[in-house]
Each structure stands twice: as C-alpha cells, then as structure tokens.
Amino acid sequence: MEHERLSPRVQEIERERSEALIAARTKELFDRLPPLLGFSFDEALSACEVELQPWPGHAWGRDVYDEVRTLITDFAAELAAEDPQGDELLRGRTFARHLH
C-alpha cells in the first residue's frame, strides 16, 4: 500500500527501475541458457510455457524442460525478493530471446 501513496512521477521512476532490473536479469537468464528461446509466467509465477531451440537430430527430454522450468521459477523468486514490484510485473508475462 505504500506504493499507492507515492506521487505518479515516483511510481513511474520505480516502475522504470523495476523494468530495467527485469530486463537485466532476463538477459542473464538467456545468456546462461543458450537453448532457451522464450518463456512465460502464469498468475502463480510458475513457468507455464518454455520454448527451447530445436537441435538437429536431438529432442529435448522432459527432464531438461523440468530443469529449465525450475531455473525460471527460481529467477522469478529471486527477482521478487530483490524488487517489491518484481512478482507483480512478471505475472502473465512472456519473454523471448532477441535474435540478431
């Protein structure tokens, strides 16, 4: 509720800071998991959709997807602990790797 008492400008600055933190942590996650193409969170902050880069002649097993989901869920928990708005800003959101 403290957030609601802040001026709109301060709220905007806090949101920008939170979004910058999310962007930095997301980049770190994609750098750490090269096959990860994208993921999304449900309302409970569980990794509900995970997309991995296909590898010619290889299929990713359920164990790999489960491990990646665990890492993504840990990412959400760490972010929520680091930023009070973190969990709120992740709910229902999708992230995709930027390909150049």
PDB file of N, CA and C in Angstrom:
ATOM      1  N   MET A   1       0.806  -1.183   0.000  1.00  0.00           N
ATOM      2  CA  MET A   1       0.000   0.000   0.000  1.00  0.00           C
ATOM      3  C   MET A   1       0.855   1.256   0.000  1.00  0.00           C
ATOM      4  N   GLU A   2       2.097   1.130   0.449  1.00  0.00           N
ATOM      5  CA  GLU A   2       2.994   2.278   0.453  1.00  0.00           C
ATOM      6  C   GLU A   2       3.179   2.810  -0.960  1.00  0.00           C
ATOM      7  N   HIS A   3       3.210   1.903  -1.915  1.00  0.00           N
ATOM      8  CA  HIS A   3       3.388   2.286  -3.316  1.00  0.00           C
ATOM      9  C   HIS A   3       2.274   3.224  -3.782  1.00  0.00           C
ATOM     10  N   GLU A   4       1.055   3.018  -3.288  1.00  0.00           N
ATOM     11  CA  GLU A   4      -0.089   3.830  -3.707  1.00  0.00           C
ATOM     12  C   GLU A   4       0.020   5.265  -3.211  1.00  0.00           C
ATOM     13  N   ARG A   5       0.786   5.509  -2.134  1.00  0.00           N
ATOM     14  CA  ARG A   5       0.917   6.851  -1.579  1.00  0.00           C
ATOM     15  C   ARG A   5       1.971   7.679  -2.301  1.00  0.00           C
ATOM     16  N   LEU A   6       2.743   7.077  -3.148  1.00  0.00           N
ATOM     17  CA  LEU A   6       3.797   7.788  -3.857  1.00  0.00           C
ATOM     18  C   LEU A   6       3.207   8.605  -4.995  1.00  0.00           C
ATOM     19  N   SER A   7       3.905   9.672  -5.320  1.00  0.00           N
ATOM     20  CA  SER A   7       3.443  10.508  -6.430  1.00  0.00           C
ATOM     21  C   SER A   7       3.538   9.722  -7.734  1.00  0.00           C
ATOM     22  N   PRO A   8       2.760  10.106  -8.733  1.00  0.00           N
ATOM     23  CA  PRO A   8       2.819   9.405 -10.021  1.00  0.00           C
ATOM     24  C   PRO A   8       4.230   9.387 -10.608  1.00  0.00           C
ATOM     25  N   ARG A   9       4.974  10.470 -10.450  1.00  0.00           N
ATOM     26  CA  ARG A   9       6.338  10.527 -11.001  1.00  0.00           C
ATOM     27  C   ARG A   9       7.248   9.524 -10.294  1.00  0.00           C
ATOM     28  N   VAL A  10       7.144   9.447  -8.975  1.00  0.00           N
ATOM     29  CA  VAL A  10       7.959   8.496  -8.218  1.00  0.00           C
ATOM     30  C   VAL A  10       7.562   7.070  -8.590  1.00  0.00           C
ATOM     31  N   GLN A  11       6.268   6.819  -8.751  1.00  0.00           N
ATOM     32  CA  GLN A  11       5.812   5.493  -9.173  1.00  0.00           C
ATOM     33  C   GLN A  11       6.391   5.143 -10.540  1.00  0.00           C
ATOM     34  N   GLU A  12       6.411   6.116 -11.445  1.00  0.00           N
ATOM     35  CA  GLU A  12       6.963   5.886 -12.782  1.00  0.00           C
ATOM     36  C   GLU A  12       8.453   5.560 -12.705  1.00  0.00           C
ATOM     37  N   ILE A  13       9.185   6.284 -11.880  1.00  0.00           N
ATOM     38  CA  ILE A  13      10.620   6.033 -11.719  1.00  0.00           C
ATOM     39  C   ILE A  13      10.848   4.640 -11.144  1.00  0.00           C
ATOM     40  N   GLU A  14      10.062   4.262 -10.141  1.00  0.00           N
ATOM     41  CA  GLU A  14      10.194   2.923  -9.553  1.00  0.00           C
ATOM     42  C   GLU A  14       9.878   1.834 -10.573  1.00  0.00           C
ATOM     43  N   ARG A  15       8.851   2.049 -11.366  1.00  0.00           N
ATOM     44  CA  ARG A  15       8.495   1.053 -12.384  1.00  0.00           C
ATOM     45  C   ARG A  15       9.607   0.933 -13.427  1.00  0.00           C
ATOM     46  N   GLU A  16      10.172   2.056 -13.854  1.00  0.00           N
ATOM     47  CA  GLU A  16      11.280   2.024 -14.814  1.00  0.00           C
ATOM     48  C   GLU A  16      12.470   1.273 -14.233  1.00  0.00           C
ATOM     49  N   ARG A  17      12.755   1.496 -12.944  1.00  0.00           N
ATOM     50  CA  ARG A  17      13.856   0.791 -12.292  1.00  0.00           C
ATOM     51  C   ARG A  17      13.564  -0.709 -12.243  1.00  0.00           C
ATOM     52  N   SER A  18      12.332  -1.050 -11.911  1.00  0.00           N
ATOM     53  CA  SER A  18      11.936  -2.458 -11.864  1.00  0.00           C
ATOM     54  C   SER A  18      12.036  -3.106 -13.239  1.00  0.00           C
ATOM     55  N   GLU A  19      11.567  -2.416 -14.265  1.00  0.00           N
ATOM     56  CA  GLU A  19      11.635  -2.952 -15.634  1.00  0.00           C
ATOM     57  C   GLU A  19      13.085  -3.129 -16.074  1.00  0.00           C
ATOM     58  N   ALA A  20      13.964  -2.194 -15.688  1.00  0.00           N
ATOM     59  CA  ALA A  20      15.386  -2.314 -16.034  1.00  0.00           C
ATOM     60  C   ALA A  20      15.998  -3.527 -15.343  1.00  0.00           C
ATOM     61  N   LEU A  21      15.624  -3.756 -14.096  1.00  0.00           N
ATOM     62  CA  LEU A  21      16.115  -4.919 -13.365  1.00  0.00           C
ATOM     63  C   LEU A  21      15.613  -6.204 -14.014  1.00  0.00           C
ATOM     64  N   ILE A  22      14.347  -6.241 -14.383  1.00  0.00           N
ATOM     65  CA  ILE A  22      13.790  -7.416 -15.062  1.00  0.00           C
ATOM     66  C   ILE A  22      14.528  -7.663 -16.372  1.00  0.00           C
ATOM     67  N   ALA A  23      14.778  -6.618 -17.142  1.00  0.00           N
ATOM     68  CA  ALA A  23      15.490  -6.764 -18.422  1.00  0.00           C
ATOM     69  C   ALA A  23      16.892  -7.310 -18.197  1.00  0.00           C
ATOM     70  N   ALA A  24      17.599  -6.796 -17.196  1.00  0.00           N
ATOM     71  CA  ALA A  24      18.960  -7.260 -16.920  1.00  0.00           C
ATOM     72  C   ALA A  24      18.962  -8.720 -16.481  1.00  0.00           C
ATOM     73  N   ARG A  25      18.061  -9.080 -15.570  1.00  0.00           N
ATOM     74  CA  ARG A  25      18.011 -10.466 -15.079  1.00  0.00           C
ATOM     75  C   ARG A  25      17.553 -11.430 -16.177  1.00  0.00           C
ATOM     76  N   THR A  26      16.652 -10.978 -17.028  1.00  0.00           N
ATOM     77  CA  THR A  26      16.199 -11.822 -18.137  1.00  0.00           C
ATOM     78  C   THR A  26      17.345 -12.075 -19.104  1.00  0.00           C
ATOM     79  N   LYS A  27      18.121 -11.041 -19.407  1.00  0.00           N
ATOM     80  CA  LYS A  27      19.283 -11.205 -20.288  1.00  0.00           C
ATOM     81  C   LYS A  27      20.264 -12.210 -19.688  1.00  0.00           C
ATOM     82  N   GLU A  28      20.510 -12.093 -18.382  1.00  0.00           N
ATOM     83  CA  GLU A  28      21.401 -13.041 -17.708  1.00  0.00           C
ATOM     84  C   GLU A  28      20.879 -14.470 -17.846  1.00  0.00           C
ATOM     85  N   LEU A  29      19.573 -14.648 -17.707  1.00  0.00           N
ATOM     86  CA  LEU A  29      18.974 -15.978 -17.820  1.00  0.00           C
ATOM     87  C   LEU A  29      19.148 -16.527 -19.232  1.00  0.00           C
ATOM     88  N   PHE A  30      18.871 -15.708 -20.243  1.00  0.00           N
ATOM     89  CA  PHE A  30      19.052 -16.158 -21.626  1.00  0.00           C
ATOM     90  C   PHE A  30      20.527 -16.442 -21.917  1.00  0.00           C
ATOM     91  N   ASP A  31      21.443 -15.640 -21.376  1.00  0.00           N
ATOM     92  CA  ASP A  31      22.876 -15.882 -21.575  1.00  0.00           C
ATOM     93  C   ASP A  31      23.300 -17.192 -20.917  1.00  0.00           C
ATOM     94  N   ARG A  32      22.709 -17.486 -19.779  1.00  0.00           N
ATOM     95  CA  ARG A  32      23.042 -18.703 -19.029  1.00  0.00           C
ATOM     96  C   ARG A  32      22.475 -19.960 -19.682  1.00  0.00           C
ATOM     97  N   LEU A  33      21.358 -19.815 -20.407  1.00  0.00           N
ATOM     98  CA  LEU A  33      20.678 -20.954 -21.034  1.00  0.00           C
ATOM     99  C   LEU A  33      20.572 -20.722 -22.545  1.00  0.00           C
ATOM    100  N   PRO A  34      21.646 -20.954 -23.289  1.00  0.00           N
ATOM    101  CA  PRO A  34      21.633 -20.664 -24.730  1.00  0.00           C
ATOM    102  C   PRO A  34      20.484 -21.298 -25.518  1.00  0.00           C
ATOM    103  N   PRO A  35      20.020 -22.508 -25.195  1.00  0.00           N
ATOM    104  CA  PRO A  35      18.913 -23.070 -25.987  1.00  0.00           C
ATOM    105  C   PRO A  35      17.548 -22.434 -25.697  1.00  0.00           C
ATOM    106  N   LEU A  36      17.449 -21.642 -24.630  1.00  0.00           N
ATOM    107  CA  LEU A  36      16.167 -21.053 -24.244  1.00  0.00           C
ATOM    108  C   LEU A  36      15.761 -19.968 -25.241  1.00  0.00           C
ATOM    109  N   LEU A  37      14.598 -20.154 -25.862  1.00  0.00           N
ATOM    110  CA  LEU A  37      14.077 -19.169 -26.816  1.00  0.00           C
ATOM    111  C   LEU A  37      13.050 -18.247 -26.174  1.00  0.00           C
ATOM    112  N   GLY A  38      12.265 -18.783 -25.256  1.00  0.00           N
ATOM    113  CA  GLY A  38      11.244 -17.957 -24.628  1.00  0.00           C
ATOM    114  C   GLY A  38      10.563 -18.690 -23.495  1.00  0.00           C
ATOM    115  N   PHE A  39       9.867 -17.908 -22.677  1.00  0.00           N
ATOM    116  CA  PHE A  39       9.122 -18.482 -21.560  1.00  0.00           C
ATOM    117  C   PHE A  39       8.077 -17.479 -21.113  1.00  0.00           C
ATOM    118  N   SER A  40       7.083 -17.991 -20.417  1.00  0.00           N
ATOM    119  CA  SER A  40       6.054 -17.110 -19.868  1.00  0.00           C
ATOM    120  C   SER A  40       5.675 -17.591 -18.477  1.00  0.00           C
ATOM    121  N   PHE A  41       5.080 -16.670 -17.732  1.00  0.00           N
ATOM    122  CA  PHE A  41       4.639 -16.965 -16.375  1.00  0.00           C
ATOM    123  C   PHE A  41       3.128 -16.955 -16.310  1.00  0.00           C
ATOM    124  N   ASP A  42       2.585 -17.818 -15.457  1.00  0.00           N
ATOM    125  CA  ASP A  42       1.156 -17.757 -15.183  1.00  0.00           C
ATOM    126  C   ASP A  42       0.944 -16.827 -13.984  1.00  0.00           C
ATOM    127  N   GLU A  43      -0.264 -16.758 -13.494  1.00  0.00           N
ATOM    128  CA  GLU A  43      -0.572 -15.852 -12.385  1.00  0.00           C
ATOM    129  C   GLU A  43       0.104 -16.269 -11.078  1.00  0.00           C
ATOM    130  N   ALA A  44       0.480 -17.545 -10.962  1.00  0.00           N
ATOM    131  CA  ALA A  44       1.148 -18.039  -9.758  1.00  0.00           C
ATOM    132  C   ALA A  44       2.667 -17.931  -9.863  1.00  0.00           C
ATOM    133  N   LEU A  45       3.148 -17.304 -10.926  1.00  0.00           N
ATOM    134  CA  LEU A  45       4.574 -17.142 -11.216  1.00  0.00           C
ATOM    135  C   LEU A  45       5.282 -18.465 -11.467  1.00  0.00           C
ATOM    136  N   SER A  46       4.566 -19.422 -12.010  1.00  0.00           N
ATOM    137  CA  SER A  46       5.186 -20.660 -12.463  1.00  0.00           C
ATOM    138  C   SER A  46       5.509 -20.488 -13.939  1.00  0.00           C
ATOM    139  N   ALA A  47       6.607 -21.090 -14.354  1.00  0.00           N
ATOM    140  CA  ALA A  47       6.959 -21.043 -15.774  1.00  0.00           C
ATOM    141  C   ALA A  47       5.992 -21.963 -16.508  1.00  0.00           C
ATOM    142  N   CYS A  48       5.005 -21.397 -17.172  1.00  0.00           N
ATOM    143  CA  CYS A  48       3.958 -22.225 -17.777  1.00  0.00           C
ATOM    144  C   CYS A  48       4.252 -22.572 -19.230  1.00  0.00           C
ATOM    145  N   GLU A  49       5.036 -21.785 -19.898  1.00  0.00           N
ATOM    146  CA  GLU A  49       5.413 -22.069 -21.285  1.00  0.00           C
ATOM    147  C   GLU A  49       6.924 -21.920 -21.389  1.00  0.00           C
ATOM    148  N   VAL A  50       7.585 -22.918 -21.932  1.00  0.00           N
ATOM    149  CA  VAL A  50       9.029 -22.858 -22.137  1.00  0.00           C
ATOM    150  C   VAL A  50       9.305 -23.344 -23.548  1.00  0.00           C
ATOM    151  N   GLU A  51      10.070 -22.577 -24.291  1.00  0.00           N
ATOM    152  CA  GLU A  51      10.421 -22.956 -25.664  1.00  0.00           C
ATOM    153  C   GLU A  51      11.941 -23.035 -25.768  1.00  0.00           C
ATOM    154  N   LEU A  52      12.429 -24.208 -26.208  1.00  0.00           N
ATOM    155  CA  LEU A  52      13.861 -24.410 -26.391  1.00  0.00           C
ATOM    156  C   LEU A  52      14.181 -24.543 -27.874  1.00  0.00           C
ATOM    157  N   GLN A  53      15.366 -24.096 -28.245  1.00  0.00           N
ATOM    158  CA  GLN A  53      15.837 -24.174 -29.624  1.00  0.00           C
ATOM    159  C   GLN A  53      15.942 -25.643 -30.039  1.00  0.00           C
ATOM    160  N   PRO A  54      15.309 -26.016 -31.150  1.00  0.00           N
ATOM    161  CA  PRO A  54      15.471 -27.391 -31.634  1.00  0.00           C
ATOM    162  C   PRO A  54      16.939 -27.655 -31.988  1.00  0.00           C
ATOM    163  N   TRP A  55      17.367 -28.859 -31.742  1.00  0.00           N
ATOM    164  CA  TRP A  55      18.735 -29.257 -32.043  1.00  0.00           C
ATOM    165  C   TRP A  55      18.651 -30.388 -33.053  1.00  0.00           C
ATOM    166  N   PRO A  56      19.260 -30.245 -34.227  1.00  0.00           N
ATOM    167  CA  PRO A  56      19.144 -31.284 -35.263  1.00  0.00           C
ATOM    168  C   PRO A  56      19.513 -32.676 -34.732  1.00  0.00           C
ATOM    169  N   GLY A  57      18.615 -33.601 -34.930  1.00  0.00           N
ATOM    170  CA  GLY A  57      18.845 -34.980 -34.520  1.00  0.00           C
ATOM    171  C   GLY A  57      18.696 -35.224 -33.028  1.00  0.00           C
ATOM    172  N   HIS A  58      18.181 -34.233 -32.303  1.00  0.00           N
ATOM    173  CA  HIS A  58      18.057 -34.375 -30.854  1.00  0.00           C
ATOM    174  C   HIS A  58      16.722 -33.793 -30.392  1.00  0.00           C
ATOM    175  N   ALA A  59      16.088 -34.472 -29.485  1.00  0.00           N
ATOM    176  CA  ALA A  59      14.858 -33.951 -28.880  1.00  0.00           C
ATOM    177  C   ALA A  59      15.134 -33.705 -27.398  1.00  0.00           C
ATOM    178  N   TRP A  60      14.764 -32.527 -26.918  1.00  0.00           N
ATOM    179  CA  TRP A  60      14.935 -32.221 -25.501  1.00  0.00           C
ATOM    180  C   TRP A  60      13.966 -33.085 -24.697  1.00  0.00           C
ATOM    181  N   GLY A  61      14.497 -33.749 -23.687  1.00  0.00           N
ATOM    182  CA  GLY A  61      13.668 -34.599 -22.840  1.00  0.00           C
ATOM    183  C   GLY A  61      12.906 -33.804 -21.792  1.00  0.00           C
ATOM    184  N   ARG A  62      11.940 -34.464 -21.209  1.00  0.00           N
ATOM    185  CA  ARG A  62      11.132 -33.832 -20.159  1.00  0.00           C
ATOM    186  C   ARG A  62      12.008 -33.355 -19.006  1.00  0.00           C
ATOM    187  N   ASP A  63      13.070 -34.107 -18.706  1.00  0.00           N
ATOM    188  CA  ASP A  63      13.957 -33.727 -17.609  1.00  0.00           C
ATOM    189  C   ASP A  63      14.625 -32.378 -17.868  1.00  0.00           C
ATOM    190  N   VAL A  64      14.984 -32.112 -19.121  1.00  0.00           N
ATOM    191  CA  VAL A  64      15.592 -30.823 -19.472  1.00  0.00           C
ATOM    192  C   VAL A  64      14.568 -29.704 -19.299  1.00  0.00           C
ATOM    193  N   TYR A  65      13.358 -29.917 -19.817  1.00  0.00           N
ATOM    194  CA  TYR A  65      12.306 -28.902 -19.662  1.00  0.00           C
ATOM    195  C   TYR A  65      12.009 -28.646 -18.182  1.00  0.00           C
ATOM    196  N   ASP A  66      11.963 -29.707 -17.377  1.00  0.00           N
ATOM    197  CA  ASP A  66      11.701 -29.544 -15.944  1.00  0.00           C
ATOM    198  C   ASP A  66      12.815 -28.740 -15.275  1.00  0.00           C
ATOM    199  N   GLU A  67      14.060 -29.016 -15.639  1.00  0.00           N
ATOM    200  CA  GLU A  67      15.190 -28.281 -15.068  1.00  0.00           C
ATOM    201  C   GLU A  67      15.141 -26.804 -15.466  1.00  0.00           C
ATOM    202  N   VAL A  68      14.831 -26.540 -16.723  1.00  0.00           N
ATOM    203  CA  VAL A  68      14.733 -25.152 -17.192  1.00  0.00           C
ATOM    204  C   VAL A  68      13.577 -24.446 -16.485  1.00  0.00           C
ATOM    205  N   ARG A  69      12.451 -25.115 -16.334  1.00  0.00           N
ATOM    206  CA  ARG A  69      11.312 -24.514 -15.616  1.00  0.00           C
ATOM    207  C   ARG A  69      11.695 -24.166 -14.175  1.00  0.00           C
ATOM    208  N   THR A  70      12.449 -25.043 -13.543  1.00  0.00           N
ATOM    209  CA  THR A  70      12.910 -24.783 -12.175  1.00  0.00           C
ATOM    210  C   THR A  70      13.803 -23.549 -12.138  1.00  0.00           C
ATOM    211  N   LEU A  71      14.723 -23.435 -13.085  1.00  0.00           N
ATOM    212  CA  LEU A  71      15.602 -22.261 -13.140  1.00  0.00           C
ATOM    213  C   LEU A  71      14.803 -20.980 -13.369  1.00  0.00           C
ATOM    214  N   ILE A  72      13.782 -21.053 -14.204  1.00  0.00           N
ATOM    215  CA  ILE A  72      12.953 -19.878 -14.481  1.00  0.00           C
ATOM    216  C   ILE A  72      12.125 -19.510 -13.249  1.00  0.00           C
ATOM    217  N   THR A  73      11.603 -20.506 -12.554  1.00  0.00           N
ATOM    218  CA  THR A  73      10.843 -20.240 -11.332  1.00  0.00           C
ATOM    219  C   THR A  73      11.754 -19.638 -10.264  1.00  0.00           C
ATOM    220  N   ASP A  74      12.990 -20.137 -10.167  1.00  0.00           N
ATOM    221  CA  ASP A  74      13.966 -19.558  -9.237  1.00  0.00           C
ATOM    222  C   ASP A  74      14.266 -18.108  -9.611  1.00  0.00           C
ATOM    223  N   PHE A  75      14.386 -17.842 -10.904  1.00  0.00           N
ATOM    224  CA  PHE A  75      14.606 -16.482 -11.405  1.00  0.00           C
ATOM    225  C   PHE A  75      13.488 -15.564 -10.917  1.00  0.00           C
ATOM    226  N   ALA A  76      12.249 -16.010 -11.017  1.00  0.00           N
ATOM    227  CA  ALA A  76      11.106 -15.202 -10.583  1.00  0.00           C
ATOM    228  C   ALA A  76      11.152 -14.961  -9.076  1.00  0.00           C
ATOM    229  N   ALA A  77      11.482 -15.982  -8.309  1.00  0.00           N
ATOM    230  CA  ALA A  77      11.539 -15.844  -6.852  1.00  0.00           C
ATOM    231  C   ALA A  77      12.649 -14.880  -6.439  1.00  0.00           C
ATOM    232  N   GLU A  78      13.811 -14.987  -7.076  1.00  0.00           N
ATOM    233  CA  GLU A  78      14.922 -14.086  -6.771  1.00  0.00           C
ATOM    234  C   GLU A  78      14.558 -12.648  -7.117  1.00  0.00           C
ATOM    235  N   LEU A  79      13.923 -12.467  -8.250  1.00  0.00           N
ATOM    236  CA  LEU A  79      13.537 -11.124  -8.674  1.00  0.00           C
ATOM    237  C   LEU A  79      12.494 -10.533  -7.724  1.00  0.00           C
ATOM    238  N   ALA A  80      11.542 -11.335  -7.313  1.00  0.00           N
ATOM    239  CA  ALA A  80      10.515 -10.865  -6.374  1.00  0.00           C
ATOM    240  C   ALA A  80      11.141 -10.485  -5.035  1.00  0.00           C
ATOM    241  N   ALA A  81      12.174 -11.221  -4.616  1.00  0.00           N
ATOM    242  CA  ALA A  81      12.850 -10.904  -3.358  1.00  0.00           C
ATOM    243  C   ALA A  81      13.681  -9.624  -3.484  1.00  0.00           C
ATOM    244  N   GLU A  82      14.196  -9.377  -4.665  1.00  0.00           N
ATOM    245  CA  GLU A  82      15.060  -8.220  -4.896  1.00  0.00           C
ATOM    246  C   GLU A  82      14.270  -6.936  -5.135  1.00  0.00           C
ATOM    247  N   ASP A  83      13.078  -7.056  -5.693  1.00  0.00           N
ATOM    248  CA  ASP A  83      12.291  -5.876  -6.045  1.00  0.00           C
ATOM    249  C   ASP A  83      10.847  -6.084  -5.605  1.00  0.00           C
ATOM    250  N   PRO A  84      10.296  -5.172  -4.813  1.00  0.00           N
ATOM    251  CA  PRO A  84       8.928  -5.341  -4.329  1.00  0.00           C
ATOM    252  C   PRO A  84       7.880  -5.454  -5.437  1.00  0.00           C
ATOM    253  N   GLN A  85       8.149  -4.866  -6.602  1.00  0.00           N
ATOM    254  CA  GLN A  85       7.202  -4.940  -7.718  1.00  0.00           C
ATOM    255  C   GLN A  85       7.497  -6.115  -8.646  1.00  0.00           C
ATOM    256  N   GLY A  86       8.593  -6.830  -8.392  1.00  0.00           N
ATOM    257  CA  GLY A  86       9.037  -7.868  -9.304  1.00  0.00           C
ATOM    258  C   GLY A  86       7.987  -8.901  -9.639  1.00  0.00           C
ATOM    259  N   ASP A  87       7.365  -9.481  -8.611  1.00  0.00           N
ATOM    260  CA  ASP A  87       6.374 -10.524  -8.892  1.00  0.00           C
ATOM    261  C   ASP A  87       5.163  -9.958  -9.622  1.00  0.00           C
ATOM    262  N   GLU A  88       4.749  -8.763  -9.248  1.00  0.00           N
ATOM    263  CA  GLU A  88       3.602  -8.122  -9.902  1.00  0.00           C
ATOM    264  C   GLU A  88       3.867  -7.898 -11.398  1.00  0.00           C
ATOM    265  N   LEU A  89       5.092  -7.520 -11.735  1.00  0.00           N
ATOM    266  CA  LEU A  89       5.425  -7.218 -13.128  1.00  0.00           C
ATOM    267  C   LEU A  89       5.690  -8.466 -13.965  1.00  0.00           C
ATOM    268  N   LEU A  90       5.901  -9.613 -13.322  1.00  0.00           N
ATOM    269  CA  LEU A  90       6.157 -10.854 -14.060  1.00  0.00           C
ATOM    270  C   LEU A  90       4.887 -11.651 -14.355  1.00  0.00           C
ATOM    271  N   ARG A  91       3.871 -11.500 -13.546  1.00  0.00           N
ATOM    272  CA  ARG A  91       2.651 -12.306 -13.683  1.00  0.00           C
ATOM    273  C   ARG A  91       2.038 -12.178 -15.080  1.00  0.00           C
ATOM    274  N   GLY A  92       1.808 -13.332 -15.716  1.00  0.00           N
ATOM    275  CA  GLY A  92       1.164 -13.357 -17.026  1.00  0.00           C
ATOM    276  C   GLY A  92       2.021 -12.830 -18.164  1.00  0.00           C
ATOM    277  N   ARG A  93       3.294 -12.664 -17.935  1.00  0.00           N
ATOM    278  CA  ARG A  93       4.171 -12.038 -18.925  1.00  0.00           C
ATOM    279  C   ARG A  93       4.970 -13.082 -19.701  1.00  0.00           C
ATOM    280  N   THR A  94       5.288 -12.751 -20.950  1.00  0.00           N
ATOM    281  CA  THR A  94       6.074 -13.623 -21.822  1.00  0.00           C
ATOM    282  C   THR A  94       7.384 -12.930 -22.163  1.00  0.00           C
ATOM    283  N   PHE A  95       8.471 -13.707 -22.187  1.00  0.00           N
ATOM    284  CA  PHE A  95       9.791 -13.199 -22.533  1.00  0.00           C
ATOM    285  C   PHE A  95      10.334 -14.019 -23.691  1.00  0.00           C
ATOM    286  N   ALA A  96      10.966 -13.367 -24.636  1.00  0.00           N
ATOM    287  CA  ALA A  96      11.534 -14.058 -25.797  1.00  0.00           C
ATOM    288  C   ALA A  96      12.950 -13.560 -26.036  1.00  0.00           C
ATOM    289  N   ARG A  97      13.790 -14.480 -26.469  1.00  0.00           N
ATOM    290  CA  ARG A  97      15.171 -14.125 -26.805  1.00  0.00           C
ATOM    291  C   ARG A  97      15.156 -13.222 -28.032  1.00  0.00           C
ATOM    292  N   HIS A  98      16.008 -12.214 -28.005  1.00  0.00           N
ATOM    293  CA  HIS A  98      16.157 -11.337 -29.169  1.00  0.00           C
ATOM    294  C   HIS A  98      17.218 -11.941 -30.081  1.00  0.00           C
ATOM    295  N   LEU A  99      16.831 -12.251 -31.290  1.00  0.00           N
ATOM    296  CA  LEU A  99      17.774 -12.805 -32.262  1.00  0.00           C
ATOM    297  C   LEU A  99      18.216 -11.692 -33.198  1.00  0.00           C
ATOM    298  N   HIS A 100      19.495 -11.640 -33.449  1.00  0.00           N
ATOM    299  CA  HIS A 100      20.023 -10.575 -34.324  1.00  0.00           C
ATOM    300  C   HIS A 100      20.505 -11.149 -35.630  1.00  0.00           C
TER     301      HIS A 100
END
